[in-house]
Amino acid sequence: MKKLKMSKRSKAALDKAIKHWEVDVKENNEYPRSDNCALCGLYIKNECQGCPVCIKAKQSECYRTPYYEYTAVLDLLGIASDIAQRKRLAQKEIDFLKTCYY
């Protein structure tokens, strides 16, 4: 099986997505959306085809990633939910994103 090679554009978008989670989400408790994700900006119009997250999770739209656990907490409890829990879940997403390089 031929190994995929990550493009510079994909790597830059993944780097930017990780930085977004580290700063905007983890520090400021922003609600994550596809319109503020560098990866979604590149890949969502093509149903996530080629997205490193989609490749890793084997699902489009970030299914089977910690993103869904994080947003479920926000959907259920709102932005005022437990800060420690949100930070823990954000870190879980950051850790996952760091495994998406190929």
PDB file of N, CA and C in Angstrom:
ATOM      1  N   MET A   1       0.848  -1.186   0.000  1.00  0.00           N
ATOM      2  CA  MET A   1       0.000   0.000   0.000  1.00  0.00           C
ATOM      3  C   MET A   1       0.889   1.244   0.000  1.00  0.00           C
ATOM      4  N   LYS A   2       0.581   2.167  -0.898  1.00  0.00           N
ATOM      5  CA  LYS A   2       1.361   3.392  -1.021  1.00  0.00           C
ATOM      6  C   LYS A   2       1.034   4.339   0.128  1.00  0.00           C
ATOM      7  N   LYS A   3       2.079   4.860   0.744  1.00  0.00           N
ATOM      8  CA  LYS A   3       1.902   5.792   1.858  1.00  0.00           C
ATOM      9  C   LYS A   3       1.568   7.189   1.325  1.00  0.00           C
ATOM     10  N   LEU A   4       0.589   7.832   1.933  1.00  0.00           N
ATOM     11  CA  LEU A   4       0.205   9.184   1.536  1.00  0.00           C
ATOM     12  C   LEU A   4       1.273  10.181   1.968  1.00  0.00           C
ATOM     13  N   LYS A   5       1.412  11.245   1.209  1.00  0.00           N
ATOM     14  CA  LYS A   5       2.325  12.322   1.570  1.00  0.00           C
ATOM     15  C   LYS A   5       1.490  13.572   1.807  1.00  0.00           C
ATOM     16  N   MET A   6       1.638  14.155   2.979  1.00  0.00           N
ATOM     17  CA  MET A   6       0.871  15.339   3.330  1.00  0.00           C
ATOM     18  C   MET A   6       1.395  16.545   2.559  1.00  0.00           C
ATOM     19  N   SER A   7       0.483  17.290   1.976  1.00  0.00           N
ATOM     20  CA  SER A   7       0.887  18.493   1.259  1.00  0.00           C
ATOM     21  C   SER A   7       1.246  19.603   2.244  1.00  0.00           C
ATOM     22  N   LYS A   8       2.011  20.555   1.771  1.00  0.00           N
ATOM     23  CA  LYS A   8       2.376  21.703   2.617  1.00  0.00           C
ATOM     24  C   LYS A   8       1.124  22.458   3.043  1.00  0.00           C
ATOM     25  N   ARG A   9       0.162  22.540   2.156  1.00  0.00           N
ATOM     26  CA  ARG A   9      -1.096  23.239   2.456  1.00  0.00           C
ATOM     27  C   ARG A   9      -1.876  22.530   3.568  1.00  0.00           C
ATOM     28  N   SER A  10      -1.929  21.210   3.502  1.00  0.00           N
ATOM     29  CA  SER A  10      -2.619  20.440   4.539  1.00  0.00           C
ATOM     30  C   SER A  10      -1.910  20.573   5.872  1.00  0.00           C
ATOM     31  N   LYS A  11      -0.581  20.479   5.844  1.00  0.00           N
ATOM     32  CA  LYS A  11       0.189  20.607   7.074  1.00  0.00           C
ATOM     33  C   LYS A  11      -0.009  21.986   7.691  1.00  0.00           C
ATOM     34  N   ALA A  12       0.021  23.025   6.874  1.00  0.00           N
ATOM     35  CA  ALA A  12      -0.176  24.393   7.383  1.00  0.00           C
ATOM     36  C   ALA A  12      -1.568  24.550   7.989  1.00  0.00           C
ATOM     37  N   ALA A  13      -2.576  23.971   7.346  1.00  0.00           N
ATOM     38  CA  ALA A  13      -3.943  24.058   7.869  1.00  0.00           C
ATOM     39  C   ALA A  13      -4.078  23.273   9.168  1.00  0.00           C
ATOM     40  N   LEU A  14      -3.447  22.107   9.250  1.00  0.00           N
ATOM     41  CA  LEU A  14      -3.485  21.314  10.480  1.00  0.00           C
ATOM     42  C   LEU A  14      -2.761  22.053  11.605  1.00  0.00           C
ATOM     43  N   ASP A  15      -1.599  22.635  11.300  1.00  0.00           N
ATOM     44  CA  ASP A  15      -0.892  23.452  12.294  1.00  0.00           C
ATOM     45  C   ASP A  15      -1.781  24.576  12.808  1.00  0.00           C
ATOM     46  N   LYS A  16      -2.470  25.236  11.886  1.00  0.00           N
ATOM     47  CA  LYS A  16      -3.348  26.356  12.240  1.00  0.00           C
ATOM     48  C   LYS A  16      -4.538  25.887  13.079  1.00  0.00           C
ATOM     49  N   ALA A  17      -5.091  24.718  12.742  1.00  0.00           N
ATOM     50  CA  ALA A  17      -6.212  24.163  13.511  1.00  0.00           C
ATOM     51  C   ALA A  17      -5.780  23.838  14.942  1.00  0.00           C
ATOM     52  N   ILE A  18      -4.601  23.258  15.078  1.00  0.00           N
ATOM     53  CA  ILE A  18      -4.089  22.945  16.420  1.00  0.00           C
ATOM     54  C   ILE A  18      -3.893  24.229  17.207  1.00  0.00           C
ATOM     55  N   LYS A  19      -3.298  25.226  16.584  1.00  0.00           N
ATOM     56  CA  LYS A  19      -3.063  26.513  17.257  1.00  0.00           C
ATOM     57  C   LYS A  19      -4.401  27.140  17.670  1.00  0.00           C
ATOM     58  N   HIS A  20      -5.401  27.026  16.815  1.00  0.00           N
ATOM     59  CA  HIS A  20      -6.730  27.563  17.129  1.00  0.00           C
ATOM     60  C   HIS A  20      -7.292  26.910  18.386  1.00  0.00           C
ATOM     61  N   TRP A  21      -7.159  25.587  18.470  1.00  0.00           N
ATOM     62  CA  TRP A  21      -7.649  24.891  19.660  1.00  0.00           C
ATOM     63  C   TRP A  21      -6.846  25.278  20.887  1.00  0.00           C
ATOM     64  N   GLU A  22      -5.539  25.412  20.737  1.00  0.00           N
ATOM     65  CA  GLU A  22      -4.683  25.763  21.870  1.00  0.00           C
ATOM     66  C   GLU A  22      -4.994  27.155  22.412  1.00  0.00           C
ATOM     67  N   VAL A  23      -5.274  28.082  21.530  1.00  0.00           N
ATOM     68  CA  VAL A  23      -5.474  29.476  21.946  1.00  0.00           C
ATOM     69  C   VAL A  23      -6.951  29.825  22.069  1.00  0.00           C
ATOM     70  N   ASP A  24      -7.666  29.812  20.948  1.00  0.00           N
ATOM     71  CA  ASP A  24      -9.043  30.313  20.934  1.00  0.00           C
ATOM     72  C   ASP A  24     -10.016  29.449  21.718  1.00  0.00           C
ATOM     73  N   VAL A  25      -9.895  28.147  21.592  1.00  0.00           N
ATOM     74  CA  VAL A  25     -10.850  27.263  22.263  1.00  0.00           C
ATOM     75  C   VAL A  25     -10.433  26.980  23.701  1.00  0.00           C
ATOM     76  N   LYS A  26      -9.205  26.522  23.883  1.00  0.00           N
ATOM     77  CA  LYS A  26      -8.769  26.127  25.223  1.00  0.00           C
ATOM     78  C   LYS A  26      -8.641  27.326  26.159  1.00  0.00           C
ATOM     79  N   GLU A  27      -8.130  28.428  25.664  1.00  0.00           N
ATOM     80  CA  GLU A  27      -7.906  29.595  26.518  1.00  0.00           C
ATOM     81  C   GLU A  27      -9.137  30.493  26.635  1.00  0.00           C
ATOM     82  N   ASN A  28      -9.839  30.694  25.530  1.00  0.00           N
ATOM     83  CA  ASN A  28     -10.965  31.637  25.531  1.00  0.00           C
ATOM     84  C   ASN A  28     -12.326  30.964  25.542  1.00  0.00           C
ATOM     85  N   ASN A  29     -12.330  29.632  25.499  1.00  0.00           N
ATOM     86  CA  ASN A  29     -13.584  28.885  25.558  1.00  0.00           C
ATOM     87  C   ASN A  29     -14.554  29.234  24.432  1.00  0.00           C
ATOM     88  N   GLU A  30     -14.009  29.424  23.255  1.00  0.00           N
ATOM     89  CA  GLU A  30     -14.820  29.686  22.074  1.00  0.00           C
ATOM     90  C   GLU A  30     -15.563  28.421  21.665  1.00  0.00           C
ATOM     91  N   TYR A  31     -16.756  28.595  21.116  1.00  0.00           N
ATOM     92  CA  TYR A  31     -17.492  27.453  20.579  1.00  0.00           C
ATOM     93  C   TYR A  31     -16.914  27.145  19.202  1.00  0.00           C
ATOM     94  N   PRO A  32     -16.360  25.958  18.985  1.00  0.00           N
ATOM     95  CA  PRO A  32     -15.736  25.650  17.691  1.00  0.00           C
ATOM     96  C   PRO A  32     -16.784  25.443  16.596  1.00  0.00           C
ATOM     97  N   ARG A  33     -16.480  25.993  15.435  1.00  0.00           N
ATOM     98  CA  ARG A  33     -17.379  25.861  14.281  1.00  0.00           C
ATOM     99  C   ARG A  33     -16.524  25.631  13.030  1.00  0.00           C
ATOM    100  N   SER A  34     -17.129  25.069  12.018  1.00  0.00           N
ATOM    101  CA  SER A  34     -16.386  24.787  10.790  1.00  0.00           C
ATOM    102  C   SER A  34     -15.916  26.066  10.103  1.00  0.00           C
ATOM    103  N   ASP A  35     -16.628  27.161  10.296  1.00  0.00           N
ATOM    104  CA  ASP A  35     -16.211  28.394   9.609  1.00  0.00           C
ATOM    105  C   ASP A  35     -14.994  29.057  10.255  1.00  0.00           C
ATOM    106  N   ASN A  36     -14.524  28.552  11.399  1.00  0.00           N
ATOM    107  CA  ASN A  36     -13.283  29.074  11.967  1.00  0.00           C
ATOM    108  C   ASN A  36     -12.207  27.983  12.075  1.00  0.00           C
ATOM    109  N   CYS A  37     -12.319  26.974  11.234  1.00  0.00           N
ATOM    110  CA  CYS A  37     -11.340  25.882  11.192  1.00  0.00           C
ATOM    111  C   CYS A  37     -10.604  25.945   9.855  1.00  0.00           C
ATOM    112  N   ALA A  38      -9.277  26.020   9.920  1.00  0.00           N
ATOM    113  CA  ALA A  38      -8.466  26.085   8.702  1.00  0.00           C
ATOM    114  C   ALA A  38      -8.628  24.834   7.841  1.00  0.00           C
ATOM    115  N   LEU A  39      -8.767  23.675   8.476  1.00  0.00           N
ATOM    116  CA  LEU A  39      -8.954  22.437   7.714  1.00  0.00           C
ATOM    117  C   LEU A  39     -10.304  22.429   7.002  1.00  0.00           C
ATOM    118  N   CYS A  40     -11.344  22.832   7.697  1.00  0.00           N
ATOM    119  CA  CYS A  40     -12.666  22.890   7.069  1.00  0.00           C
ATOM    120  C   CYS A  40     -12.666  23.873   5.907  1.00  0.00           C
ATOM    121  N   GLY A  41     -11.932  24.970   6.080  1.00  0.00           N
ATOM    122  CA  GLY A  41     -11.831  25.951   5.000  1.00  0.00           C
ATOM    123  C   GLY A  41     -11.281  25.345   3.723  1.00  0.00           C
ATOM    124  N   LEU A  42     -10.391  24.379   3.854  1.00  0.00           N
ATOM    125  CA  LEU A  42      -9.811  23.712   2.685  1.00  0.00           C
ATOM    126  C   LEU A  42     -10.657  22.552   2.167  1.00  0.00           C
ATOM    127  N   TYR A  43     -11.263  21.812   3.075  1.00  0.00           N
ATOM    128  CA  TYR A  43     -11.817  20.514   2.687  1.00  0.00           C
ATOM    129  C   TYR A  43     -13.329  20.343   2.775  1.00  0.00           C
ATOM    130  N   ILE A  44     -14.038  21.190   3.479  1.00  0.00           N
ATOM    131  CA  ILE A  44     -15.462  20.925   3.706  1.00  0.00           C
ATOM    132  C   ILE A  44     -16.278  20.959   2.410  1.00  0.00           C
ATOM    133  N   LYS A  45     -15.858  21.793   1.470  1.00  0.00           N
ATOM    134  CA  LYS A  45     -16.606  21.878   0.207  1.00  0.00           C
ATOM    135  C   LYS A  45     -16.526  20.592  -0.606  1.00  0.00           C
ATOM    136  N   ASN A  46     -15.524  19.756  -0.330  1.00  0.00           N
ATOM    137  CA  ASN A  46     -15.363  18.467  -1.005  1.00  0.00           C
ATOM    138  C   ASN A  46     -15.715  17.300  -0.086  1.00  0.00           C
ATOM    139  N   GLU A  47     -16.650  17.547   0.827  1.00  0.00           N
ATOM    140  CA  GLU A  47     -17.096  16.526   1.773  1.00  0.00           C
ATOM    141  C   GLU A  47     -15.928  15.933   2.554  1.00  0.00           C
ATOM    142  N   CYS A  48     -14.950  16.785   2.885  1.00  0.00           N
ATOM    143  CA  CYS A  48     -13.796  16.455   3.729  1.00  0.00           C
ATOM    144  C   CYS A  48     -12.764  15.547   3.060  1.00  0.00           C
ATOM    145  N   GLN A  49     -12.933  15.242   1.789  1.00  0.00           N
ATOM    146  CA  GLN A  49     -11.979  14.390   1.091  1.00  0.00           C
ATOM    147  C   GLN A  49     -10.596  15.022   1.119  1.00  0.00           C
ATOM    148  N   GLY A  50      -9.604  14.296   1.623  1.00  0.00           N
ATOM    149  CA  GLY A  50      -8.239  14.768   1.714  1.00  0.00           C
ATOM    150  C   GLY A  50      -7.887  15.404   3.043  1.00  0.00           C
ATOM    151  N   CYS A  51      -8.873  15.662   3.878  1.00  0.00           N
ATOM    152  CA  CYS A  51      -8.615  16.272   5.189  1.00  0.00           C
ATOM    153  C   CYS A  51      -7.876  15.278   6.081  1.00  0.00           C
ATOM    154  N   PRO A  52      -6.783  15.718   6.727  1.00  0.00           N
ATOM    155  CA  PRO A  52      -6.053  14.800   7.609  1.00  0.00           C
ATOM    156  C   PRO A  52      -6.917  14.217   8.726  1.00  0.00           C
ATOM    157  N   VAL A  53      -7.869  14.980   9.231  1.00  0.00           N
ATOM    158  CA  VAL A  53      -8.757  14.478  10.286  1.00  0.00           C
ATOM    159  C   VAL A  53      -9.675  13.395   9.721  1.00  0.00           C
ATOM    160  N   CYS A  54     -10.210  13.635   8.549  1.00  0.00           N
ATOM    161  CA  CYS A  54     -11.078  12.654   7.886  1.00  0.00           C
ATOM    162  C   CYS A  54     -10.303  11.370   7.600  1.00  0.00           C
ATOM    163  N   ILE A  55      -9.070  11.516   7.141  1.00  0.00           N
ATOM    164  CA  ILE A  55      -8.233  10.348   6.848  1.00  0.00           C
ATOM    165  C   ILE A  55      -7.973   9.555   8.128  1.00  0.00           C
ATOM    166  N   LYS A  56      -7.632  10.248   9.198  1.00  0.00           N
ATOM    167  CA  LYS A  56      -7.329   9.580  10.478  1.00  0.00           C
ATOM    168  C   LYS A  56      -8.571   8.916  11.070  1.00  0.00           C
ATOM    169  N   ALA A  57      -9.687   9.650  11.105  1.00  0.00           N
ATOM    170  CA  ALA A  57     -10.913   9.147  11.732  1.00  0.00           C
ATOM    171  C   ALA A  57     -11.706   8.213  10.831  1.00  0.00           C
ATOM    172  N   LYS A  58     -11.379   8.224   9.547  1.00  0.00           N
ATOM    173  CA  LYS A  58     -12.107   7.432   8.552  1.00  0.00           C
ATOM    174  C   LYS A  58     -13.590   7.811   8.507  1.00  0.00           C
ATOM    175  N   GLN A  59     -13.846   9.098   8.765  1.00  0.00           N
ATOM    176  CA  GLN A  59     -15.201   9.658   8.737  1.00  0.00           C
ATOM    177  C   GLN A  59     -15.118  11.124   8.355  1.00  0.00           C
ATOM    178  N   SER A  60     -16.119  11.616   7.675  1.00  0.00           N
ATOM    179  CA  SER A  60     -16.160  13.042   7.356  1.00  0.00           C
ATOM    180  C   SER A  60     -16.757  13.826   8.525  1.00  0.00           C
ATOM    181  N   GLU A  61     -16.641  15.122   8.441  1.00  0.00           N
ATOM    182  CA  GLU A  61     -17.229  16.065   9.405  1.00  0.00           C
ATOM    183  C   GLU A  61     -16.785  15.815  10.848  1.00  0.00           C
ATOM    184  N   CYS A  62     -15.577  15.351  11.029  1.00  0.00           N
ATOM    185  CA  CYS A  62     -14.960  15.155  12.355  1.00  0.00           C
ATOM    186  C   CYS A  62     -15.675  14.132  13.237  1.00  0.00           C
ATOM    187  N   TYR A  63     -16.527  13.277  12.628  1.00  0.00           N
ATOM    188  CA  TYR A  63     -17.126  12.194  13.409  1.00  0.00           C
ATOM    189  C   TYR A  63     -16.010  11.317  13.943  1.00  0.00           C
ATOM    190  N   ARG A  64     -16.244  10.702  15.071  1.00  0.00           N
ATOM    191  CA  ARG A  64     -15.281   9.811  15.738  1.00  0.00           C
ATOM    192  C   ARG A  64     -14.025  10.555  16.193  1.00  0.00           C
ATOM    193  N   THR A  65     -14.169  11.811  16.530  1.00  0.00           N
ATOM    194  CA  THR A  65     -13.046  12.581  17.068  1.00  0.00           C
ATOM    195  C   THR A  65     -13.477  13.216  18.394  1.00  0.00           C
ATOM    196  N   PRO A  66     -12.541  13.673  19.188  1.00  0.00           N
ATOM    197  CA  PRO A  66     -12.897  14.335  20.446  1.00  0.00           C
ATOM    198  C   PRO A  66     -13.690  15.629  20.256  1.00  0.00           C
ATOM    199  N   TYR A  67     -13.674  16.171  19.045  1.00  0.00           N
ATOM    200  CA  TYR A  67     -14.461  17.369  18.738  1.00  0.00           C
ATOM    201  C   TYR A  67     -15.924  17.161  19.133  1.00  0.00           C
ATOM    202  N   TYR A  68     -16.464  15.993  18.840  1.00  0.00           N
ATOM    203  CA  TYR A  68     -17.886  15.744  19.126  1.00  0.00           C
ATOM    204  C   TYR A  68     -18.179  15.679  20.618  1.00  0.00           C
ATOM    205  N   GLU A  69     -17.284  15.136  21.390  1.00  0.00           N
ATOM    206  CA  GLU A  69     -17.473  15.114  22.840  1.00  0.00           C
ATOM    207  C   GLU A  69     -17.459  16.549  23.384  1.00  0.00           C
ATOM    208  N   TYR A  70     -16.525  17.355  22.892  1.00  0.00           N
ATOM    209  CA  TYR A  70     -16.411  18.751  23.320  1.00  0.00           C
ATOM    210  C   TYR A  70     -17.688  19.528  22.984  1.00  0.00           C
ATOM    211  N   THR A  71     -18.148  19.421  21.743  1.00  0.00           N
ATOM    212  CA  THR A  71     -19.339  20.182  21.352  1.00  0.00           C
ATOM    213  C   THR A  71     -20.604  19.650  22.028  1.00  0.00           C
ATOM    214  N   ALA A  72     -20.649  18.353  22.328  1.00  0.00           N
ATOM    215  CA  ALA A  72     -21.809  17.798  23.038  1.00  0.00           C
ATOM    216  C   ALA A  72     -21.946  18.432  24.413  1.00  0.00           C
ATOM    217  N   VAL A  73     -20.822  18.624  25.106  1.00  0.00           N
ATOM    218  CA  VAL A  73     -20.850  19.280  26.421  1.00  0.00           C
ATOM    219  C   VAL A  73     -21.362  20.708  26.273  1.00  0.00           C
ATOM    220  N   LEU A  74     -20.860  21.419  25.272  1.00  0.00           N
ATOM    221  CA  LEU A  74     -21.312  22.798  25.069  1.00  0.00           C
ATOM    222  C   LEU A  74     -22.789  22.855  24.677  1.00  0.00           C
ATOM    223  N   ASP A  75     -23.223  21.923  23.830  1.00  0.00           N
ATOM    224  CA  ASP A  75     -24.626  21.900  23.428  1.00  0.00           C
ATOM    225  C   ASP A  75     -25.537  21.623  24.623  1.00  0.00           C
ATOM    226  N   LEU A  76     -25.091  20.740  25.503  1.00  0.00           N
ATOM    227  CA  LEU A  76     -25.891  20.353  26.660  1.00  0.00           C
ATOM    228  C   LEU A  76     -25.856  21.410  27.762  1.00  0.00           C
ATOM    229  N   LEU A  77     -24.669  21.900  28.076  1.00  0.00           N
ATOM    230  CA  LEU A  77     -24.498  22.779  29.239  1.00  0.00           C
ATOM    231  C   LEU A  77     -24.240  24.240  28.885  1.00  0.00           C
ATOM    232  N   GLY A  78     -23.929  24.521  27.634  1.00  0.00           N
ATOM    233  CA  GLY A  78     -23.662  25.897  27.230  1.00  0.00           C
ATOM    234  C   GLY A  78     -22.237  26.314  27.553  1.00  0.00           C
ATOM    235  N   ILE A  79     -21.878  27.493  27.103  1.00  0.00           N
ATOM    236  CA  ILE A  79     -20.525  28.004  27.261  1.00  0.00           C
ATOM    237  C   ILE A  79     -20.164  28.181  28.739  1.00  0.00           C
ATOM    238  N   ALA A  80     -21.146  28.258  29.603  1.00  0.00           N
ATOM    239  CA  ALA A  80     -20.893  28.429  31.035  1.00  0.00           C
ATOM    240  C   ALA A  80     -20.636  27.096  31.735  1.00  0.00           C
ATOM    241  N   SER A  81     -20.520  26.017  30.958  1.00  0.00           N
ATOM    242  CA  SER A  81     -20.253  24.711  31.568  1.00  0.00           C
ATOM    243  C   SER A  81     -18.894  24.724  32.263  1.00  0.00           C
ATOM    244  N   ASP A  82     -18.610  23.692  32.970  1.00  0.00           N
ATOM    245  CA  ASP A  82     -17.391  23.545  33.768  1.00  0.00           C
ATOM    246  C   ASP A  82     -16.134  23.854  32.941  1.00  0.00           C
ATOM    247  N   ILE A  83     -15.412  24.896  33.318  1.00  0.00           N
ATOM    248  CA  ILE A  83     -14.223  25.327  32.587  1.00  0.00           C
ATOM    249  C   ILE A  83     -13.165  24.224  32.563  1.00  0.00           C
ATOM    250  N   ALA A  84     -12.952  23.567  33.675  1.00  0.00           N
ATOM    251  CA  ALA A  84     -11.943  22.504  33.741  1.00  0.00           C
ATOM    252  C   ALA A  84     -12.291  21.369  32.774  1.00  0.00           C
ATOM    253  N   GLN A  85     -13.577  21.022  32.701  1.00  0.00           N
ATOM    254  CA  GLN A  85     -14.006  19.963  31.796  1.00  0.00           C
ATOM    255  C   GLN A  85     -13.785  20.387  30.339  1.00  0.00           C
ATOM    256  N   ARG A  86     -14.132  21.625  29.998  1.00  0.00           N
ATOM    257  CA  ARG A  86     -13.922  22.110  28.633  1.00  0.00           C
ATOM    258  C   ARG A  86     -12.443  22.105  28.273  1.00  0.00           C
ATOM    259  N   LYS A  87     -11.592  22.543  29.195  1.00  0.00           N
ATOM    260  CA  LYS A  87     -10.156  22.555  28.924  1.00  0.00           C
ATOM    261  C   LYS A  87      -9.615  21.133  28.740  1.00  0.00           C
ATOM    262  N   ARG A  88     -10.103  20.197  29.542  1.00  0.00           N
ATOM    263  CA  ARG A  88      -9.682  18.797  29.408  1.00  0.00           C
ATOM    264  C   ARG A  88     -10.106  18.238  28.045  1.00  0.00           C
ATOM    265  N   LEU A  89     -11.334  18.537  27.645  1.00  0.00           N
ATOM    266  CA  LEU A  89     -11.831  18.051  26.359  1.00  0.00           C
ATOM    267  C   LEU A  89     -11.137  18.744  25.191  1.00  0.00           C
ATOM    268  N   ALA A  90     -10.834  20.025  25.345  1.00  0.00           N
ATOM    269  CA  ALA A  90     -10.080  20.736  24.309  1.00  0.00           C
ATOM    270  C   ALA A  90      -8.696  20.128  24.151  1.00  0.00           C
ATOM    271  N   GLN A  91      -8.060  19.778  25.263  1.00  0.00           N
ATOM    272  CA  GLN A  91      -6.740  19.145  25.204  1.00  0.00           C
ATOM    273  C   GLN A  91      -6.830  17.785  24.520  1.00  0.00           C
ATOM    274  N   LYS A  92      -7.907  17.082  24.759  1.00  0.00           N
ATOM    275  CA  LYS A  92      -8.121  15.792  24.108  1.00  0.00           C
ATOM    276  C   LYS A  92      -8.184  15.974  22.582  1.00  0.00           C
ATOM    277  N   GLU A  93      -8.860  17.034  22.131  1.00  0.00           N
ATOM    278  CA  GLU A  93      -8.938  17.331  20.701  1.00  0.00           C
ATOM    279  C   GLU A  93      -7.566  17.729  20.156  1.00  0.00           C
ATOM    280  N   ILE A  94      -6.832  18.541  20.896  1.00  0.00           N
ATOM    281  CA  ILE A  94      -5.484  18.940  20.482  1.00  0.00           C
ATOM    282  C   ILE A  94      -4.598  17.699  20.331  1.00  0.00           C
ATOM    283  N   ASP A  95      -4.644  16.826  21.316  1.00  0.00           N
ATOM    284  CA  ASP A  95      -3.850  15.588  21.267  1.00  0.00           C
ATOM    285  C   ASP A  95      -4.231  14.751  20.050  1.00  0.00           C
ATOM    286  N   PHE A  96      -5.523  14.666  19.762  1.00  0.00           N
ATOM    287  CA  PHE A  96      -5.976  13.924  18.586  1.00  0.00           C
ATOM    288  C   PHE A  96      -5.454  14.568  17.305  1.00  0.00           C
ATOM    289  N   LEU A  97      -5.612  15.882  17.200  1.00  0.00           N
ATOM    290  CA  LEU A  97      -5.169  16.571  15.982  1.00  0.00           C
ATOM    291  C   LEU A  97      -3.674  16.352  15.724  1.00  0.00           C
ATOM    292  N   LYS A  98      -2.905  16.273  16.788  1.00  0.00           N
ATOM    293  CA  LYS A  98      -1.467  16.059  16.639  1.00  0.00           C
ATOM    294  C   LYS A  98      -1.137  14.671  16.104  1.00  0.00           C
ATOM    295  N   THR A  99      -2.092  13.751  16.124  1.00  0.00           N
ATOM    296  CA  THR A  99      -1.876  12.413  15.558  1.00  0.00           C
ATOM    297  C   THR A  99      -2.266  12.359  14.083  1.00  0.00           C
ATOM    298  N   CYS A 100      -2.761  13.437  13.536  1.00  0.00           N
ATOM    299  CA  CYS A 100      -3.279  13.450  12.167  1.00  0.00           C
ATOM    300  C   CYS A 100      -2.229  13.782  11.103  1.00  0.00           C
ATOM    301  N   TYR A 101      -0.993  14.043  11.513  1.00  0.00           N
ATOM    302  CA  TYR A 101       0.063  14.280  10.527  1.00  0.00           C
ATOM    303  C   TYR A 101       0.418  12.963   9.841  1.00  0.00           C
ATOM    304  N   TYR A 102       0.672  13.027   8.576  1.00  0.00           N
ATOM    305  CA  TYR A 102       1.107  11.824   7.838  1.00  0.00           C
ATOM    306  C   TYR A 102       2.153  12.186   6.815  1.00  0.00           C
TER     307      TYR A 102
END
